[in-house]
Amino acid sequence: MSNVVLVLVETVNDYLPILQKHGFELILAPTEALRAEAIATHGERINVVLTRGPLGLFADEMAALPKLEIICVLGAGYEKVDLHAAAQRGIVVTNGAGANASPVADHAMALLLSLVRDIPRADASVRRGEWRKLTRPSLGGKRLGILGMGAVGLAIAQRAALGFGMTVSYHNRRPRTDVDYRYCATVTELALASDFLIVATPGGAGTHALIDRQALEALGPQGFLVNIARASVVATDDLVDALQQGRLAGAALDVFDDEPNVPDVLKGLANVVLTPHVAGLSPEASEATVTLMVENLLAYFSGKPVLTPVALPG
């Protein structure tokens, strides 16, 4: 009997044959309606779910999947997967930690460059037939703060330090012993030590609103913020206030509280760069992420430990 995978994501379709090659049967359900229909129709057969952090998998859905054994999350974040429900059922949860670190780091630096150098507005002015010139800050030699020094944070740090000669500081749950970057004990300390601050930490209750009014005040009116992690890490109202009142120079966001709905107030701000949660998307990353998921599944169904387990409560 083949293993049946409920696929809730839509961004890796080109690489799903990697799963099929290993005998997995796929049920594609990339929308809310298809998701509900698939669970109602095929719930008795599904034993694997492929999802993303913002899509998650909820307790009532797990209850409707009596044969569910393992949940595979693309990317590092798993904030909307009900880990308590999974733990109660003995369901294994894995993630794709590190698989898309390179494109996310690339996108973070691209957003930072676009924001600080005001590339979108310069491009728009040329297209309007204008020749608008403004003096903008450079990145070279500046102080970069990174909130979250996991695989993505480390990749960003390497690009910033080696490519732009930036001084890198970071805040993490605990200091890393394998890096020479400066560790800051609090988010406020990190913001005070930064000209630019990049958010690269997972979402969830433990990181909710870490970037709040106090942190933004510490970053200051000459500071720039980039978020390629999860919107929940930044208090959106505090961010908007700081941008509107000139207490922050600018922000670049790839993630939002209610995707794909982006607040009109953000769209109307000239000191903001917005992208539609695409930092982790690249052909290389998609293939690597699906390959890692397959390796986790093959290990699990062979009775071996999975490669990237998510720790479950209790």
Protein backbone atom coordinates (compact mmCIF):
# COMPACT_ATOMS: atom_id res chain seq x y z
CA MET A 1 0.00 0.00 0.00
CA SER A 2 1.49 3.36 -1.02
CA ASN A 3 1.92 6.29 1.31
CA VAL A 4 -0.53 9.08 0.54
CA VAL A 5 0.71 12.68 0.79
CA LEU A 6 -1.66 15.63 1.15
CA VAL A 7 0.18 18.54 -0.51
CA LEU A 8 -1.03 21.92 0.77
CA VAL A 9 1.68 24.02 -0.91
CA GLU A 10 1.68 25.31 -4.46
CA THR A 11 5.24 26.57 -4.97
CA VAL A 12 7.09 23.28 -5.52
CA ASN A 13 4.86 21.52 -8.07
CA ASP A 14 7.71 21.20 -10.57
CA TYR A 15 9.65 19.11 -8.05
CA LEU A 16 6.87 16.85 -6.78
CA PRO A 17 7.90 14.09 -9.24
CA ILE A 18 10.82 13.52 -6.84
CA LEU A 19 8.21 12.26 -4.39
CA GLN A 20 6.32 10.26 -6.97
CA LYS A 21 9.52 8.57 -8.09
CA HIS A 22 9.74 7.03 -4.63
CA GLY A 23 6.19 5.68 -4.82
CA PHE A 24 4.33 8.36 -2.89
CA GLU A 25 0.77 9.08 -4.01
CA LEU A 26 0.02 12.80 -4.05
CA ILE A 27 -3.21 14.67 -3.41
CA LEU A 28 -2.82 18.33 -4.37
CA ALA A 29 -4.87 20.81 -2.33
CA PRO A 30 -3.33 24.30 -2.59
CA THR A 31 -6.48 26.27 -1.70
CA GLU A 32 -8.69 26.30 1.39
CA ALA A 33 -11.59 24.77 -0.52
CA LEU A 34 -9.49 21.99 -2.03
CA ARG A 35 -7.86 21.37 1.33
CA ALA A 36 -11.20 20.85 3.06
CA GLU A 37 -12.48 18.69 0.20
CA ALA A 38 -9.36 16.52 0.17
CA ILE A 39 -9.50 15.92 3.92
CA ALA A 40 -13.21 15.09 3.76
CA THR A 41 -12.82 12.78 0.76
CA HIS A 42 -9.44 11.14 1.38
CA GLY A 43 -8.91 11.62 5.11
CA GLU A 44 -9.01 7.88 5.84
CA ARG A 45 -6.06 7.28 3.48
CA ILE A 46 -3.70 10.21 4.08
CA ASN A 47 -0.69 9.45 6.26
CA VAL A 48 1.63 12.34 5.24
CA VAL A 49 0.97 16.09 5.01
CA LEU A 50 3.23 18.55 3.23
CA THR A 51 2.64 22.15 4.34
CA ARG A 52 4.31 25.50 5.06
CA GLY A 53 4.52 27.48 8.29
CA PRO A 54 1.82 30.04 7.37
CA LEU A 55 -0.48 27.29 6.03
CA GLY A 56 0.03 25.03 9.02
CA LEU A 57 -2.09 22.03 10.00
CA PHE A 58 -4.71 22.34 12.72
CA ALA A 59 -5.96 20.03 15.46
CA ASP A 60 -9.36 19.45 13.87
CA GLU A 61 -7.70 18.56 10.58
CA MET A 62 -5.38 16.08 12.30
CA ALA A 63 -8.43 14.56 13.97
CA ALA A 64 -9.92 13.99 10.52
CA LEU A 65 -6.75 12.17 9.39
CA PRO A 66 -6.71 9.00 11.50
CA LYS A 67 -3.72 7.49 9.67
CA LEU A 68 -1.55 10.63 9.76
CA GLU A 69 1.99 9.72 10.82
CA ILE A 70 4.24 12.57 9.74
CA ILE A 71 3.92 16.28 8.85
CA CYS A 72 6.63 17.78 6.65
CA VAL A 73 6.94 21.56 6.70
CA LEU A 74 8.73 23.33 3.86
CA GLY A 75 11.06 25.99 5.21
CA ALA A 76 12.19 26.55 8.77
CA GLY A 77 9.00 28.03 10.23
CA TYR A 78 6.12 25.87 11.50
CA GLU A 79 4.15 28.45 13.46
CA LYS A 80 0.66 27.32 12.39
CA VAL A 81 1.22 23.60 12.83
CA ASP A 82 -0.51 22.53 16.04
CA LEU A 83 2.44 20.87 17.75
CA HIS A 84 0.43 20.00 20.87
CA ALA A 85 -2.08 18.05 18.78
CA ALA A 86 0.75 16.34 16.91
CA ALA A 87 2.45 15.40 20.18
CA GLN A 88 -0.76 13.95 21.62
CA ARG A 89 -1.12 11.75 18.55
CA GLY A 90 2.55 10.82 18.33
CA ILE A 91 2.78 12.44 14.89
CA VAL A 92 6.32 13.27 13.77
CA VAL A 93 6.93 16.83 12.48
CA THR A 94 9.89 17.82 10.32
CA ASN A 95 10.92 21.10 8.73
CA GLY A 96 13.18 22.28 5.93
CA ALA A 97 15.66 24.17 8.08
CA GLY A 98 18.53 25.50 6.00
CA ALA A 99 17.33 24.27 2.62
CA ASN A 100 16.42 27.73 1.33
CA ALA A 101 18.91 29.79 3.34
CA SER A 102 20.81 30.98 0.29
CA PRO A 103 17.94 32.63 -1.65
CA VAL A 104 16.46 34.08 1.54
CA ALA A 105 19.80 35.67 2.36
CA ASP A 106 20.11 36.94 -1.22
CA HIS A 107 16.64 38.47 -1.01
CA ALA A 108 17.37 40.06 2.36
CA MET A 109 20.42 41.80 0.94
CA ALA A 110 18.51 42.77 -2.22
CA LEU A 111 15.76 44.34 -0.10
CA LEU A 112 18.31 46.15 2.03
CA LEU A 113 20.06 47.55 -1.04
CA SER A 114 16.79 48.53 -2.69
CA LEU A 115 15.58 50.24 0.47
CA VAL A 116 18.71 52.07 1.49
CA ARG A 117 19.62 53.12 -2.06
CA ASP A 118 15.94 53.94 -2.87
CA ILE A 119 16.02 51.81 -6.03
CA PRO A 120 12.22 51.42 -6.56
CA ARG A 121 11.54 55.15 -6.50
CA ALA A 122 14.59 55.92 -8.64
CA ASP A 123 13.41 53.38 -11.22
CA ALA A 124 9.88 54.81 -11.17
CA SER A 125 11.15 58.36 -11.65
CA VAL A 126 13.20 57.40 -14.72
CA ARG A 127 10.18 55.63 -16.20
CA ARG A 128 8.19 58.85 -15.73
CA GLY A 129 10.81 60.74 -17.73
CA GLU A 130 12.29 62.43 -14.67
CA TRP A 131 15.94 62.66 -13.70
CA ARG A 132 15.52 62.63 -9.93
CA LYS A 133 18.79 62.43 -8.01
CA LEU A 134 19.04 61.96 -4.27
CA THR A 135 22.05 61.26 -2.10
CA ARG A 136 21.49 57.99 -0.28
CA PRO A 137 23.51 56.07 2.35
CA SER A 138 25.92 53.33 1.35
CA LEU A 139 26.12 49.88 2.90
CA GLY A 140 29.89 49.58 3.05
CA GLY A 141 31.32 49.65 6.56
CA LYS A 142 27.94 50.05 8.27
CA ARG A 143 26.65 48.16 11.30
CA LEU A 144 24.25 45.30 10.55
CA GLY A 145 22.13 43.68 13.22
CA ILE A 146 20.61 40.25 12.60
CA LEU A 147 17.76 38.96 14.74
CA GLY A 148 18.14 35.18 14.54
CA MET A 149 21.47 33.56 13.76
CA GLY A 150 20.27 30.30 12.26
CA ALA A 151 21.13 29.11 8.76
CA VAL A 152 19.50 32.16 7.16
CA GLY A 153 21.01 34.63 9.61
CA LEU A 154 24.45 33.13 9.13
CA ALA A 155 24.16 33.34 5.34
CA ILE A 156 23.12 37.00 5.62
CA ALA A 157 26.03 37.73 7.97
CA GLN A 158 28.53 36.19 5.59
CA ARG A 159 27.23 38.25 2.66
CA ALA A 160 27.25 41.45 4.69
CA ALA A 161 30.67 41.00 6.28
CA LEU A 162 32.54 39.56 3.31
CA GLY A 163 30.70 41.37 0.52
CA PHE A 164 30.15 44.80 2.07
CA GLY A 165 32.65 44.99 4.89
CA MET A 166 29.86 45.47 7.41
CA THR A 167 30.21 44.96 11.15
CA VAL A 168 27.74 42.27 12.19
CA SER A 169 25.98 41.86 15.53
CA TYR A 170 23.19 39.43 16.35
CA HIS A 171 20.66 38.37 18.93
CA ASN A 172 19.67 34.72 19.35
CA ARG A 173 18.06 32.61 22.03
CA ARG A 174 21.63 31.82 23.04
CA PRO A 175 25.09 32.86 21.77
CA ARG A 176 26.68 30.76 19.05
CA THR A 177 30.15 29.45 19.80
CA ASP A 178 31.06 28.95 16.15
CA VAL A 179 30.86 32.57 14.93
CA ASP A 180 32.91 35.68 15.65
CA TYR A 181 30.05 38.16 15.28
CA ARG A 182 29.10 40.23 18.30
CA TYR A 183 26.31 38.79 20.43
CA CYS A 184 23.73 41.17 21.93
CA ALA A 185 21.81 39.94 24.95
CA THR A 186 18.57 41.76 24.06
CA VAL A 187 16.77 42.97 20.96
CA THR A 188 17.05 46.57 22.16
CA GLU A 189 20.80 46.22 22.60
CA LEU A 190 20.99 44.82 19.06
CA ALA A 191 18.96 47.70 17.63
CA LEU A 192 21.16 50.25 19.41
CA ALA A 193 24.23 48.62 17.84
CA SER A 194 22.77 48.65 14.30
CA ASP A 195 22.37 50.98 11.36
CA PHE A 196 20.37 48.28 9.59
CA LEU A 197 18.39 45.49 11.27
CA ILE A 198 17.35 42.29 9.47
CA VAL A 199 14.76 39.97 11.01
CA ALA A 200 15.64 36.33 10.34
CA THR A 201 14.11 34.47 13.28
CA PRO A 202 11.26 31.94 13.14
CA GLY A 203 7.72 33.04 13.97
CA GLY A 204 5.57 31.74 16.80
CA ALA A 205 4.72 32.71 20.36
CA GLY A 206 8.36 32.89 21.44
CA THR A 207 9.24 35.64 18.97
CA HIS A 208 5.94 37.53 18.80
CA ALA A 209 6.44 41.31 18.55
CA LEU A 210 10.12 41.18 19.46
CA ILE A 211 10.49 44.24 17.25
CA ASP A 212 8.22 46.70 19.03
CA ARG A 213 8.17 50.44 19.69
CA GLN A 214 11.15 50.20 22.05
CA ALA A 215 13.29 48.32 19.53
CA LEU A 216 12.32 50.70 16.73
CA GLU A 217 13.17 53.70 18.92
CA ALA A 218 16.57 52.13 19.55
CA LEU A 219 17.14 51.64 15.82
CA GLY A 220 16.31 55.30 15.37
CA PRO A 221 15.42 57.80 12.64
CA GLN A 222 18.44 56.89 10.51
CA GLY A 223 17.83 53.16 10.84
CA PHE A 224 16.40 50.71 8.33
CA LEU A 225 14.50 47.47 9.03
CA VAL A 226 14.21 44.40 6.77
CA ASN A 227 11.89 41.47 7.56
CA ILE A 228 12.23 38.24 5.58
CA ALA A 229 11.14 36.01 8.48
CA ARG A 230 7.58 36.23 9.78
CA ALA A 231 5.37 39.29 10.13
CA SER A 232 4.47 38.33 13.70
CA VAL A 233 8.00 39.14 14.86
CA VAL A 234 7.39 42.84 14.15
CA ALA A 235 4.57 44.82 15.78
CA THR A 236 3.00 46.20 12.60
CA ASP A 237 1.22 49.14 14.23
CA ASP A 238 4.42 50.24 15.95
CA LEU A 239 6.30 49.92 12.66
CA VAL A 240 3.75 52.00 10.74
CA ASP A 241 3.79 54.70 13.42
CA ALA A 242 7.60 54.88 13.34
CA LEU A 243 7.64 55.11 9.54
CA GLN A 244 4.92 57.76 9.40
CA GLN A 245 6.47 59.89 12.12
CA GLY A 246 10.04 59.73 10.81
CA ARG A 247 11.29 57.75 13.80
CA LEU A 248 12.56 55.10 11.36
CA ALA A 249 14.14 55.81 7.98
CA GLY A 250 12.55 52.91 6.13
CA ALA A 251 11.47 49.28 6.08
CA ALA A 252 11.50 46.46 3.54
CA LEU A 253 9.00 43.64 4.08
CA ASP A 254 8.58 40.26 2.43
CA VAL A 255 6.07 38.99 5.00
CA PHE A 256 2.72 40.29 6.27
CA ASP A 257 0.21 39.55 9.02
CA ASP A 258 -2.64 38.46 6.74
CA GLU A 259 -1.12 37.28 3.49
CA PRO A 260 -1.86 37.96 0.69
CA ASN A 261 -3.60 41.04 2.12
CA VAL A 262 -1.19 43.92 2.61
CA PRO A 263 -2.39 46.96 4.59
CA ASP A 264 -3.07 49.96 2.38
CA VAL A 265 -1.15 52.13 4.81
CA LEU A 266 2.03 50.24 4.00
CA LYS A 267 1.39 50.51 0.26
CA GLY A 268 1.05 54.25 0.62
CA LEU A 269 4.36 54.84 2.38
CA ALA A 270 7.24 56.08 0.21
CA ASN A 271 9.90 54.75 2.60
CA VAL A 272 8.80 51.11 2.28
CA VAL A 273 9.75 48.32 -0.14
CA LEU A 274 7.31 45.41 -0.40
CA THR A 275 7.62 41.93 -1.95
CA PRO A 276 5.06 39.07 -1.88
CA HIS A 277 6.75 36.52 0.43
CA VAL A 278 9.16 35.31 -2.25
CA ALA A 279 12.48 35.38 -0.38
CA GLY A 280 12.76 31.61 -0.20
CA LEU A 281 11.71 30.90 -3.77
CA SER A 282 14.29 29.74 -6.28
CA PRO A 283 14.56 26.61 -8.43
CA GLU A 284 17.57 25.51 -6.42
CA ALA A 285 15.85 26.01 -3.08
CA SER A 286 12.63 24.30 -4.19
CA GLU A 287 14.52 21.24 -5.35
CA ALA A 288 16.65 21.15 -2.20
CA THR A 289 13.60 21.53 0.04
CA VAL A 290 11.65 18.74 -1.65
CA THR A 291 14.74 16.52 -1.65
CA LEU A 292 15.18 17.07 2.09
CA MET A 293 11.52 16.25 2.64
CA VAL A 294 11.90 13.02 0.67
CA GLU A 295 14.98 12.10 2.71
CA ASN A 296 13.01 12.68 5.90
CA LEU A 297 10.15 10.51 4.65
CA LEU A 298 12.41 7.71 3.46
CA ALA A 299 14.20 7.73 6.80
CA TYR A 300 10.91 7.71 8.73
CA PHE A 301 9.34 4.87 6.77
CA SER A 302 12.58 2.86 7.08
CA GLY A 303 12.42 3.13 10.85
CA LYS A 304 15.34 5.57 11.04
CA PRO A 305 15.50 8.98 12.75
CA VAL A 306 14.34 11.87 10.56
CA LEU A 307 16.97 14.40 9.54
CA THR A 308 15.31 17.63 10.64
CA PRO A 309 12.86 16.90 13.46
CA VAL A 310 10.80 19.60 15.11
CA ALA A 311 10.81 19.29 18.89
CA LEU A 312 7.30 18.63 20.17
CA PRO A 313 5.94 19.86 23.52
CA GLY A 314 5.78 17.50 26.43
